[in-house]
Amino acid sequence: MLKRLESLEGAFLKYGVAALLIVIPLYPKFPLFQIPGSWVAVRAEDFLIVFVSLIWIFSQFRQRFEFLKDSLNKTIIFYFLVGFASFVSALFITRSIIPHIGLFHTLRRIEYMIVFFIMVSSIKKIRDVIFYTEVIFLTLFLVFLYGLGQKFFLFPVISTMNVEFAKGIALRLHPGARVSSTFAGHYDLAAYLVLLLPLTAAIFFGVKKTIHKILLGILAFSSFWLLLVSASRISFFAYLIAITFTLWFLKKKFLIIPVLLFSLLFSFFTPQLTERYSRTVQVALVKIGQLRFTLPWEKQPTVISFLPEIIPTPTPPPSEVPSTGIKKKVIKEVPTPTPTPLEKRYVFYGAGAEIPQTEDRSLSIRIKVEWPRALRALAKNPFLGTGYSSITLATDNDYFRALGEVGILGFLVFFFILIKIALRAKKMIFIKVRTNFEDFLVIGIGGAFLGFLANAFFIDVFEASKAAITFWLLAGLLIGVYKLKFSEAKKR
């Protein structure tokens, strides 16, 4: 009877995880009900996560919470406690949050990470790992098909890019718009693809059957096209980092340059991405063009600016006014003395037909608004920060965001979690001979993690629900493989 219960419990957990791998990326962000005071909403996938979590908690009760024997799991639980301590501190000390919104965002971080425990607990044998990988690839292909439909067949877009869109309004992409597929925005889709493209590449080298290689090759190219039409500059750069390290770990160093050249070449055929990169280069050239230096024989700095040629607007000659015989009082103009300039300015005209763009809007917002806001929050409470939700929905740097919301303590604990996962991955990545499927899987996840962490420097990927939950599911898959390999080694 006990064995039948364990078998049934394991099946529920296994197919519950499979449901998460499918539903989280594929189900659009239709809101069930809004959280008052915020445009973040509760959605159907939240109830799915709660349901699967309850099954997992029930199994842990029966196993007397065996998962707590792992020091990594203890660290994650401690991170949750730091989040709650930050919430209490923000509520009563810094008074920097609205209570119900702060609590909602604190619970949201737990929701994203609890799937890690569920994934690890559900892996009992290597067949489970293969099953989950097949589900991941099937889901990725369906995401591609929907993106294809958005691009060419007017499939609806459910976005959360602003307050009105977050109400679940079905939109259509206009020509040239960036594809977001089943995700809340193109940034989320691109972050998801940064995770799965390296994994697809690694498994491509791990499988032996020709038909499997062909299918994975098609999937990899389709996903790469989807990344290009999402037109996320940061995620494309993160992908380049991820694929480079994946090939390095696979000991395929000779492929790194060809793959990078192939990726860059195809990016030139994507107008949205090319236009965004060209604007970035234009801004950089303008900044370089405005040089400021001091000549050896001068004390004041010299500024050189390159501006377009100015064509004066023709003005009509003044019309003669007939004399009325009335004398006008003449006021003598006294020139206002001008201070001695602190610098010499040389301006060269005729450098272009149009006035160049002088700053990158998204980067400027990050540097001038979002990042300083996070650092000010850190200054208010360096130890615990000002709580989740205190620095609005966007910081566009997950590391600054962690410092501002949960302080130095929360940041260090979170960083320690990532280090612990990386150290376990390292034991499986740097092996001399790779013959098993799971060895290539771990390499793909390792490369994906590096790309995701690079992405986090400019995008809040750990707060983007679909991408963040996928990250922690893949982390659980990696640790599940680690436990299998080391338990087998102990048996021997």
Protein backbone atom coordinates (compact mmCIF):
# COMPACT_ATOMS: atom_id res chain seq x y z
CA MET A 1 0.00 0.00 0.00
CA LEU A 2 2.83 2.37 0.94
CA LYS A 3 4.65 1.60 -2.33
CA ARG A 4 1.50 2.31 -4.35
CA LEU A 5 1.11 5.64 -2.52
CA GLU A 6 4.74 6.54 -3.27
CA SER A 7 4.29 5.58 -6.93
CA LEU A 8 1.11 7.66 -7.24
CA GLU A 9 2.71 10.58 -5.46
CA GLY A 10 5.75 10.39 -7.75
CA ALA A 11 3.54 10.31 -10.85
CA PHE A 12 1.57 13.37 -9.67
CA LEU A 13 4.81 15.22 -9.02
CA LYS A 14 6.38 14.20 -12.33
CA TYR A 15 3.42 15.21 -14.49
CA GLY A 16 2.91 18.29 -12.36
CA VAL A 17 6.46 19.39 -13.26
CA ALA A 18 5.77 18.57 -16.92
CA ALA A 19 2.67 20.77 -16.72
CA LEU A 20 4.79 23.62 -15.34
CA LEU A 21 7.33 23.22 -18.17
CA ILE A 22 4.51 23.49 -20.71
CA VAL A 23 2.07 25.98 -19.17
CA ILE A 24 4.50 28.57 -17.81
CA PRO A 25 6.02 29.45 -21.22
CA LEU A 26 2.94 28.80 -23.37
CA TYR A 27 -0.04 30.20 -21.49
CA PRO A 28 -0.37 33.95 -22.28
CA LYS A 29 -0.52 36.40 -19.40
CA PHE A 30 -4.29 36.72 -19.14
CA PRO A 31 -5.05 38.27 -15.71
CA LEU A 32 -7.63 36.60 -13.48
CA PHE A 33 -7.76 39.55 -11.09
CA GLN A 34 -5.61 42.60 -10.48
CA ILE A 35 -3.73 43.43 -7.30
CA PRO A 36 -5.06 46.82 -6.10
CA GLY A 37 -2.43 49.53 -6.47
CA SER A 38 -0.36 47.56 -8.98
CA TRP A 39 -0.68 46.42 -12.58
CA VAL A 40 0.68 42.98 -11.62
CA ALA A 41 -2.11 40.40 -11.64
CA VAL A 42 -2.82 36.91 -10.33
CA ARG A 43 -2.99 34.44 -13.24
CA ALA A 44 -3.97 30.84 -13.90
CA GLU A 45 -0.36 29.59 -13.77
CA ASP A 46 -0.09 30.89 -10.20
CA PHE A 47 -2.78 28.41 -9.15
CA LEU A 48 -1.00 25.63 -11.05
CA ILE A 49 2.22 26.35 -9.14
CA VAL A 50 0.31 26.39 -5.83
CA PHE A 51 -1.34 23.05 -6.68
CA VAL A 52 1.94 21.33 -7.60
CA SER A 53 3.63 22.89 -4.54
CA LEU A 54 0.96 21.41 -2.27
CA ILE A 55 1.62 17.95 -3.73
CA TRP A 56 5.33 18.45 -3.09
CA ILE A 57 4.76 19.70 0.49
CA PHE A 58 2.57 16.65 1.18
CA SER A 59 5.36 14.36 -0.03
CA GLN A 60 7.88 16.22 2.14
CA PHE A 61 5.68 15.79 5.20
CA ARG A 62 5.75 12.06 4.59
CA GLN A 63 9.54 12.16 4.08
CA ARG A 64 10.00 14.40 7.14
CA PHE A 65 11.34 17.24 4.97
CA GLU A 66 14.32 15.30 3.75
CA PHE A 67 15.16 18.06 1.27
CA LEU A 68 16.46 20.21 4.16
CA LYS A 69 19.45 17.89 4.52
CA ASP A 70 20.96 19.61 1.47
CA SER A 71 22.91 22.76 2.37
CA LEU A 72 21.86 24.41 -0.91
CA ASN A 73 18.19 24.05 -0.01
CA LYS A 74 18.88 25.48 3.45
CA THR A 75 20.52 28.50 1.82
CA ILE A 76 17.45 29.08 -0.36
CA ILE A 77 15.16 28.85 2.69
CA PHE A 78 17.40 31.36 4.46
CA TYR A 79 17.05 33.66 1.45
CA PHE A 80 13.27 33.47 1.82
CA LEU A 81 13.62 34.44 5.50
CA VAL A 82 15.82 37.41 4.57
CA GLY A 83 13.09 38.49 2.14
CA PHE A 84 10.50 38.40 4.93
CA ALA A 85 12.87 40.27 7.28
CA SER A 86 13.30 42.92 4.59
CA PHE A 87 9.50 43.11 4.24
CA VAL A 88 9.06 43.70 7.99
CA SER A 89 11.88 46.24 7.99
CA ALA A 90 10.34 48.09 5.04
CA LEU A 91 6.96 48.08 6.77
CA PHE A 92 8.01 49.40 10.19
CA ILE A 93 11.45 51.03 9.82
CA THR A 94 11.93 52.58 6.38
CA ARG A 95 8.16 52.69 5.64
CA SER A 96 8.97 52.30 1.95
CA ILE A 97 6.25 49.88 0.76
CA ILE A 98 2.49 49.53 0.56
CA PRO A 99 1.85 46.52 2.88
CA HIS A 100 -0.25 44.27 0.63
CA ILE A 101 1.88 44.99 -2.47
CA GLY A 102 5.12 44.36 -0.56
CA LEU A 103 3.76 41.06 0.77
CA PHE A 104 2.56 40.05 -2.69
CA HIS A 105 5.99 40.65 -4.22
CA THR A 106 7.72 38.81 -1.36
CA LEU A 107 5.51 35.76 -1.94
CA ARG A 108 6.06 36.09 -5.68
CA ARG A 109 9.83 35.56 -5.24
CA ILE A 110 9.12 32.38 -3.24
CA GLU A 111 6.72 31.19 -5.95
CA TYR A 112 9.39 31.55 -8.63
CA MET A 113 12.02 29.62 -6.66
CA ILE A 114 9.92 26.87 -5.06
CA VAL A 115 9.81 25.09 -8.44
CA PHE A 116 13.52 24.36 -7.90
CA PHE A 117 12.70 22.12 -4.92
CA ILE A 118 9.86 20.46 -6.82
CA MET A 119 12.02 19.65 -9.85
CA VAL A 120 14.85 18.17 -7.76
CA SER A 121 12.45 16.03 -5.71
CA SER A 122 10.69 14.70 -8.84
CA ILE A 123 13.85 13.27 -10.43
CA LYS A 124 14.25 9.62 -9.41
CA LYS A 125 16.01 8.17 -12.47
CA ILE A 126 17.68 9.31 -15.67
CA ARG A 127 14.50 8.55 -17.65
CA ASP A 128 12.83 11.42 -15.79
CA VAL A 129 15.61 13.76 -16.98
CA ILE A 130 15.15 12.66 -20.61
CA PHE A 131 11.37 13.05 -20.30
CA TYR A 132 11.67 16.62 -18.97
CA THR A 133 14.15 17.52 -21.73
CA GLU A 134 11.73 16.29 -24.39
CA VAL A 135 8.93 18.35 -22.82
CA ILE A 136 11.19 21.44 -22.79
CA PHE A 137 12.03 21.06 -26.50
CA LEU A 138 8.40 20.45 -27.45
CA THR A 139 7.39 23.61 -25.60
CA LEU A 140 10.17 25.59 -27.26
CA PHE A 141 8.95 24.49 -30.70
CA LEU A 142 5.38 25.56 -29.86
CA VAL A 143 6.69 28.96 -28.70
CA PHE A 144 8.40 29.27 -32.10
CA LEU A 145 5.22 28.34 -33.98
CA TYR A 146 3.24 30.97 -32.10
CA GLY A 147 5.93 33.57 -32.81
CA LEU A 148 5.73 32.64 -36.48
CA GLY A 149 1.98 33.18 -36.29
CA GLN A 150 2.45 36.59 -34.66
CA LYS A 151 4.90 37.67 -37.33
CA PHE A 152 3.00 36.55 -40.42
CA PHE A 153 -0.57 35.56 -39.48
CA LEU A 154 -1.64 38.21 -36.93
CA PHE A 155 -1.78 35.89 -33.92
CA PRO A 156 -2.77 37.94 -30.85
CA VAL A 157 -0.23 39.44 -28.44
CA ILE A 158 -0.93 39.55 -24.70
CA SER A 159 1.53 42.04 -23.25
CA THR A 160 2.23 43.62 -19.86
CA MET A 161 4.47 46.40 -21.17
CA ASN A 162 2.16 49.06 -19.72
CA VAL A 163 -0.89 49.41 -17.47
CA GLU A 164 -3.47 49.17 -20.24
CA PHE A 165 -1.86 46.19 -21.97
CA ALA A 166 -1.60 44.36 -18.61
CA LYS A 167 -5.41 44.15 -18.48
CA GLY A 168 -5.24 41.26 -20.95
CA ILE A 169 -6.07 43.16 -24.13
CA ALA A 170 -5.44 41.08 -27.28
CA LEU A 171 -3.25 43.11 -29.65
CA ARG A 172 -1.80 42.62 -33.13
CA LEU A 173 1.77 43.33 -34.19
CA HIS A 174 2.17 46.14 -36.68
CA PRO A 175 4.76 45.67 -39.47
CA GLY A 176 8.28 45.86 -38.08
CA ALA A 177 7.22 45.35 -34.45
CA ARG A 178 9.21 43.05 -32.20
CA VAL A 179 7.81 39.57 -31.66
CA SER A 180 6.92 38.53 -28.10
CA SER A 181 5.20 35.17 -28.83
CA THR A 182 3.41 33.82 -25.73
CA PHE A 183 5.41 36.04 -23.38
CA ALA A 184 4.59 39.37 -21.77
CA GLY A 185 7.08 41.23 -23.95
CA HIS A 186 9.94 40.72 -26.36
CA TYR A 187 12.49 41.01 -23.52
CA ASP A 188 10.93 38.06 -21.68
CA LEU A 189 10.85 35.94 -24.83
CA ALA A 190 14.50 36.75 -25.56
CA ALA A 191 15.54 35.89 -21.98
CA TYR A 192 13.76 32.52 -22.31
CA LEU A 193 15.56 31.83 -25.60
CA VAL A 194 18.94 32.71 -24.06
CA LEU A 195 18.28 29.84 -21.63
CA LEU A 196 17.18 27.26 -24.21
CA LEU A 197 19.39 27.93 -27.24
CA PRO A 198 22.62 26.76 -25.49
CA LEU A 199 20.74 23.74 -24.13
CA THR A 200 19.56 22.83 -27.64
CA ALA A 201 23.10 23.20 -29.02
CA ALA A 202 24.60 21.01 -26.29
CA ILE A 203 22.04 18.22 -26.74
CA PHE A 204 22.62 18.39 -30.52
CA PHE A 205 26.19 17.24 -29.91
CA GLY A 206 25.05 14.70 -27.31
CA VAL A 207 22.54 12.71 -29.39
CA LYS A 208 23.78 10.04 -31.80
CA LYS A 209 20.86 9.34 -34.13
CA THR A 210 20.82 11.36 -37.35
CA ILE A 211 17.10 12.06 -37.14
CA HIS A 212 17.53 13.53 -33.66
CA LYS A 213 20.35 15.78 -34.89
CA ILE A 214 18.22 17.01 -37.79
CA LEU A 215 15.27 17.79 -35.52
CA LEU A 216 17.48 19.58 -32.98
CA GLY A 217 19.20 21.52 -35.77
CA ILE A 218 15.81 22.72 -37.07
CA LEU A 219 14.75 23.63 -33.53
CA ALA A 220 17.99 25.54 -32.88
CA PHE A 221 17.71 27.54 -36.12
CA SER A 222 14.01 28.27 -35.51
CA SER A 223 14.73 29.47 -31.97
CA PHE A 224 17.61 31.62 -33.21
CA TRP A 225 15.31 33.28 -35.76
CA LEU A 226 12.83 33.95 -32.96
CA LEU A 227 15.60 35.56 -30.90
CA LEU A 228 16.46 37.84 -33.82
CA VAL A 229 12.88 39.02 -34.41
CA SER A 230 12.48 39.70 -30.68
CA ALA A 231 15.16 42.37 -31.36
CA SER A 232 16.56 42.51 -27.84
CA ARG A 233 20.11 43.90 -28.03
CA ILE A 234 21.04 42.79 -24.52
CA SER A 235 19.67 39.27 -24.91
CA PHE A 236 21.38 38.81 -28.28
CA PHE A 237 24.69 39.75 -26.67
CA ALA A 238 23.91 37.41 -23.75
CA TYR A 239 23.21 34.63 -26.26
CA LEU A 240 26.65 35.17 -27.82
CA ILE A 241 28.21 34.77 -24.37
CA ALA A 242 26.11 31.68 -23.61
CA ILE A 243 26.83 29.89 -26.90
CA THR A 244 30.54 30.70 -26.66
CA PHE A 245 30.88 29.11 -23.23
CA THR A 246 28.69 26.16 -24.23
CA LEU A 247 30.99 25.34 -27.16
CA TRP A 248 34.00 25.86 -24.91
CA PHE A 249 32.64 23.41 -22.32
CA LEU A 250 31.85 20.94 -25.12
CA LYS A 251 35.49 21.15 -26.24
CA LYS A 252 34.34 22.44 -29.62
CA LYS A 253 36.53 25.54 -29.56
CA PHE A 254 37.09 25.41 -33.32
CA LEU A 255 33.35 26.13 -33.80
CA ILE A 256 33.23 29.28 -31.65
CA ILE A 257 34.36 31.75 -34.36
CA PRO A 258 32.20 30.23 -37.16
CA VAL A 259 29.09 30.18 -34.92
CA LEU A 260 29.65 33.77 -33.77
CA LEU A 261 30.18 34.94 -37.37
CA PHE A 262 27.06 33.05 -38.47
CA SER A 263 25.04 34.65 -35.66
CA LEU A 264 26.29 38.16 -36.43
CA LEU A 265 25.77 37.71 -40.18
CA PHE A 266 22.15 36.68 -39.78
CA SER A 267 21.52 39.52 -37.33
CA PHE A 268 22.23 41.95 -40.21
CA PHE A 269 19.18 40.59 -42.03
CA THR A 270 16.89 41.56 -39.13
CA PRO A 271 15.91 45.23 -39.57
CA GLN A 272 14.61 45.66 -36.00
CA LEU A 273 17.83 44.42 -34.39
CA THR A 274 20.14 46.12 -36.90
CA GLU A 275 18.37 49.45 -36.42
CA ARG A 276 18.70 49.26 -32.64
CA TYR A 277 22.40 48.41 -32.81
CA SER A 278 23.00 51.16 -35.40
CA ARG A 279 21.44 53.70 -33.05
CA THR A 280 23.75 52.50 -30.29
CA VAL A 281 26.79 52.90 -32.57
CA GLN A 282 25.57 56.34 -33.68
CA VAL A 283 25.35 57.52 -30.09
CA ALA A 284 28.82 56.14 -29.38
CA LEU A 285 30.27 57.99 -32.37
CA VAL A 286 28.66 61.24 -31.29
CA LYS A 287 30.16 60.84 -27.82
CA ILE A 288 33.58 60.16 -29.38
CA GLY A 289 33.08 63.15 -31.66
CA GLN A 290 32.66 65.47 -28.68
CA LEU A 291 36.23 65.28 -27.48
CA ARG A 292 37.42 67.20 -24.46
CA PHE A 293 41.13 67.52 -23.82
CA THR A 294 43.82 70.00 -22.78
CA LEU A 295 46.55 70.88 -25.23
CA PRO A 296 50.09 70.91 -23.79
CA TRP A 297 50.45 74.67 -24.28
CA GLU A 298 46.98 75.60 -22.97
CA LYS A 299 45.54 75.72 -19.48
CA GLN A 300 41.85 75.50 -20.43
CA PRO A 301 40.31 72.38 -22.01
CA THR A 302 39.42 72.33 -25.67
CA VAL A 303 36.10 70.94 -26.90
CA ILE A 304 35.69 69.69 -30.47
CA SER A 305 32.14 69.05 -31.72
CA PHE A 306 31.07 67.72 -35.11
CA LEU A 307 27.66 69.06 -36.13
CA PRO A 308 25.67 69.10 -39.37
CA GLU A 309 26.14 72.02 -41.69
CA ILE A 310 23.80 74.87 -40.79
CA ILE A 311 21.97 76.48 -43.71
CA PRO A 312 20.74 79.93 -42.69
CA THR A 313 17.02 80.61 -43.13
CA PRO A 314 16.54 83.52 -45.57
CA THR A 315 14.90 86.52 -43.93
CA PRO A 316 12.92 89.12 -45.92
CA PRO A 317 14.34 92.68 -46.01
CA PRO A 318 12.77 95.09 -43.53
CA SER A 319 9.91 97.07 -45.00
CA GLU A 320 10.12 100.86 -44.89
CA VAL A 321 7.77 102.52 -42.44
CA PRO A 322 6.57 106.01 -43.44
CA SER A 323 7.73 108.77 -41.16
CA THR A 324 5.07 110.25 -38.84
CA GLY A 325 7.12 113.19 -37.67
CA ILE A 326 7.21 111.91 -34.09
CA LYS A 327 10.62 111.76 -32.55
CA LYS A 328 11.60 108.45 -31.04
CA LYS A 329 13.64 108.14 -27.94
CA VAL A 330 16.83 106.26 -28.64
CA ILE A 331 18.01 103.96 -25.88
CA LYS A 332 21.69 103.26 -25.96
CA GLU A 333 22.44 99.57 -25.57
CA VAL A 334 25.13 98.70 -23.05
CA PRO A 335 26.76 95.36 -23.83
CA THR A 336 26.64 92.84 -21.00
CA PRO A 337 30.14 91.77 -20.02
CA THR A 338 30.67 88.05 -20.55
CA PRO A 339 32.84 86.02 -18.20
CA THR A 340 36.07 84.55 -19.44
CA PRO A 341 35.27 81.10 -20.80
CA LEU A 342 36.65 78.13 -18.93
CA GLU A 343 37.20 76.22 -22.16
CA LYS A 344 37.82 76.79 -25.84
CA ARG A 345 35.20 75.43 -28.22
CA TYR A 346 35.84 74.49 -31.83
CA VAL A 347 32.72 73.50 -33.75
CA PHE A 348 33.00 71.92 -37.21
CA TYR A 349 29.88 72.09 -39.37
CA GLY A 350 29.00 69.90 -42.31
CA ALA A 351 29.56 66.57 -40.50
CA GLY A 352 26.20 65.10 -41.60
CA ALA A 353 22.86 65.76 -43.17
CA GLU A 354 20.86 65.12 -39.99
CA ILE A 355 21.40 65.93 -36.34
CA PRO A 356 22.65 62.66 -34.81
CA GLN A 357 21.01 61.07 -31.80
CA THR A 358 23.06 62.12 -28.78
CA GLU A 359 22.02 59.46 -26.26
CA ASP A 360 20.65 55.93 -26.03
CA ARG A 361 17.22 56.34 -24.43
CA SER A 362 17.03 52.95 -22.66
CA LEU A 363 20.63 53.13 -21.40
CA SER A 364 20.13 56.73 -20.32
CA ILE A 365 17.04 55.78 -18.27
CA ARG A 366 19.01 53.01 -16.59
CA ILE A 367 22.00 55.17 -15.71
CA LYS A 368 20.17 58.37 -14.77
CA VAL A 369 16.97 57.05 -13.17
CA GLU A 370 16.67 53.34 -12.40
CA TRP A 371 20.14 52.44 -11.10
CA PRO A 372 20.52 55.55 -8.90
CA ARG A 373 17.06 54.81 -7.46
CA ALA A 374 18.20 51.32 -6.44
CA LEU A 375 21.40 52.69 -4.90
CA ARG A 376 19.43 55.31 -2.94
CA ALA A 377 17.26 52.50 -1.58
CA LEU A 378 20.43 50.66 -0.52
CA ALA A 379 21.68 53.80 1.23
CA LYS A 380 18.44 53.99 3.28
CA ASN A 381 18.94 50.51 4.70
CA PRO A 382 22.25 48.91 3.63
CA PHE A 383 21.67 45.67 5.56
CA LEU A 384 18.11 44.71 4.49
CA GLY A 385 17.21 47.18 1.75
CA THR A 386 13.80 48.81 1.43
CA GLY A 387 11.77 45.69 0.60
CA TYR A 388 10.36 44.08 -2.54
CA SER A 389 8.28 46.48 -4.68
CA SER A 390 9.90 49.56 -3.09
CA ILE A 391 11.83 50.57 -6.22
CA THR A 392 8.98 50.04 -8.72
CA LEU A 393 8.63 47.29 -11.30
CA ALA A 394 11.78 48.07 -13.32
CA THR A 395 15.43 48.55 -12.41
CA ASP A 396 16.92 46.87 -15.49
CA ASN A 397 19.77 45.44 -13.46
CA ASP A 398 18.91 42.53 -11.20
CA TYR A 399 22.03 42.97 -9.08
CA PHE A 400 21.30 46.62 -8.26
CA ARG A 401 17.68 45.61 -7.72
CA ALA A 402 18.66 42.94 -5.17
CA LEU A 403 20.89 45.43 -3.35
CA GLY A 404 18.10 48.02 -3.20
CA GLU A 405 15.28 45.65 -2.21
CA VAL A 406 16.92 43.15 0.18
CA GLY A 407 20.18 44.91 0.96
CA ILE A 408 23.70 43.56 1.19
CA LEU A 409 22.58 40.54 3.22
CA GLY A 410 19.97 39.45 0.68
CA PHE A 411 22.33 40.10 -2.23
CA LEU A 412 25.10 38.00 -0.68
CA VAL A 413 22.76 35.10 0.12
CA PHE A 414 21.36 35.14 -3.42
CA PHE A 415 24.88 35.26 -4.85
CA PHE A 416 25.87 32.37 -2.57
CA ILE A 417 22.97 30.27 -3.96
CA LEU A 418 24.23 30.84 -7.50
CA ILE A 419 27.79 29.98 -6.46
CA LYS A 420 26.66 26.71 -4.86
CA ILE A 421 24.81 25.71 -8.04
CA ALA A 422 27.82 26.68 -10.17
CA LEU A 423 30.23 24.61 -8.06
CA ARG A 424 28.08 21.50 -8.49
CA ALA A 425 27.78 22.13 -12.20
CA LYS A 426 31.56 22.50 -12.43
CA LYS A 427 32.07 18.96 -11.09
CA MET A 428 30.02 17.59 -13.98
CA ILE A 429 31.14 19.94 -16.76
CA PHE A 430 34.90 19.52 -16.51
CA ILE A 431 35.17 15.78 -17.03
CA LYS A 432 37.49 14.10 -19.50
CA VAL A 433 35.06 11.76 -21.28
CA ARG A 434 31.43 12.55 -22.05
CA THR A 435 29.30 9.65 -23.17
CA ASN A 436 26.02 10.09 -21.30
CA PHE A 437 23.08 12.25 -22.30
CA GLU A 438 23.05 14.00 -18.93
CA ASP A 439 26.65 15.20 -19.34
CA PHE A 440 25.69 17.24 -22.40
CA LEU A 441 22.51 18.42 -20.68
CA VAL A 442 24.50 19.86 -17.77
CA ILE A 443 26.86 21.66 -20.18
CA GLY A 444 23.91 23.23 -21.97
CA ILE A 445 22.39 24.39 -18.70
CA GLY A 446 25.79 25.72 -17.55
CA GLY A 447 26.19 27.83 -20.70
CA ALA A 448 22.57 28.99 -20.43
CA PHE A 449 23.13 30.15 -16.85
CA LEU A 450 26.12 32.30 -17.84
CA GLY A 451 24.05 33.95 -20.56
CA PHE A 452 21.15 34.50 -18.18
CA LEU A 453 23.42 36.07 -15.56
CA ALA A 454 24.87 38.36 -18.23
CA ASN A 455 21.33 39.30 -19.24
CA ALA A 456 20.60 40.25 -15.62
CA PHE A 457 23.04 43.18 -15.87
CA PHE A 458 20.56 45.10 -18.04
CA ILE A 459 17.18 43.35 -17.68
CA ASP A 460 15.24 42.22 -14.57
CA VAL A 461 15.19 38.60 -15.74
CA PHE A 462 14.83 37.15 -12.23
CA GLU A 463 11.56 39.12 -11.86
CA ALA A 464 10.16 38.19 -15.30
CA SER A 465 7.94 35.31 -14.22
CA LYS A 466 8.14 33.05 -17.29
CA ALA A 467 11.91 33.42 -17.70
CA ALA A 468 12.65 33.27 -13.95
CA ILE A 469 10.56 30.13 -13.34
CA THR A 470 12.21 28.44 -16.34
CA PHE A 471 15.62 29.34 -14.88
CA TRP A 472 14.84 27.72 -11.53
CA LEU A 473 13.30 24.67 -13.21
CA LEU A 474 16.51 24.20 -15.22
CA ALA A 475 18.54 24.74 -12.05
CA GLY A 476 16.51 21.98 -10.40
CA LEU A 477 17.10 19.73 -13.41
CA LEU A 478 20.85 20.30 -13.10
CA ILE A 479 20.90 19.55 -9.36
CA GLY A 480 18.66 16.51 -9.92
CA VAL A 481 21.23 15.12 -12.38
CA TYR A 482 24.00 15.91 -9.88
CA LYS A 483 22.23 13.95 -7.16
CA LEU A 484 21.68 10.98 -9.47
CA LYS A 485 25.33 10.83 -10.51
CA PHE A 486 26.66 11.15 -6.99
CA SER A 487 24.19 8.65 -5.51
CA GLU A 488 25.28 6.14 -8.16
CA ALA A 489 28.91 6.82 -7.30
CA LYS A 490 28.21 6.10 -3.62
CA LYS A 491 26.50 2.80 -4.51
CA ARG A 492 29.57 1.70 -6.39
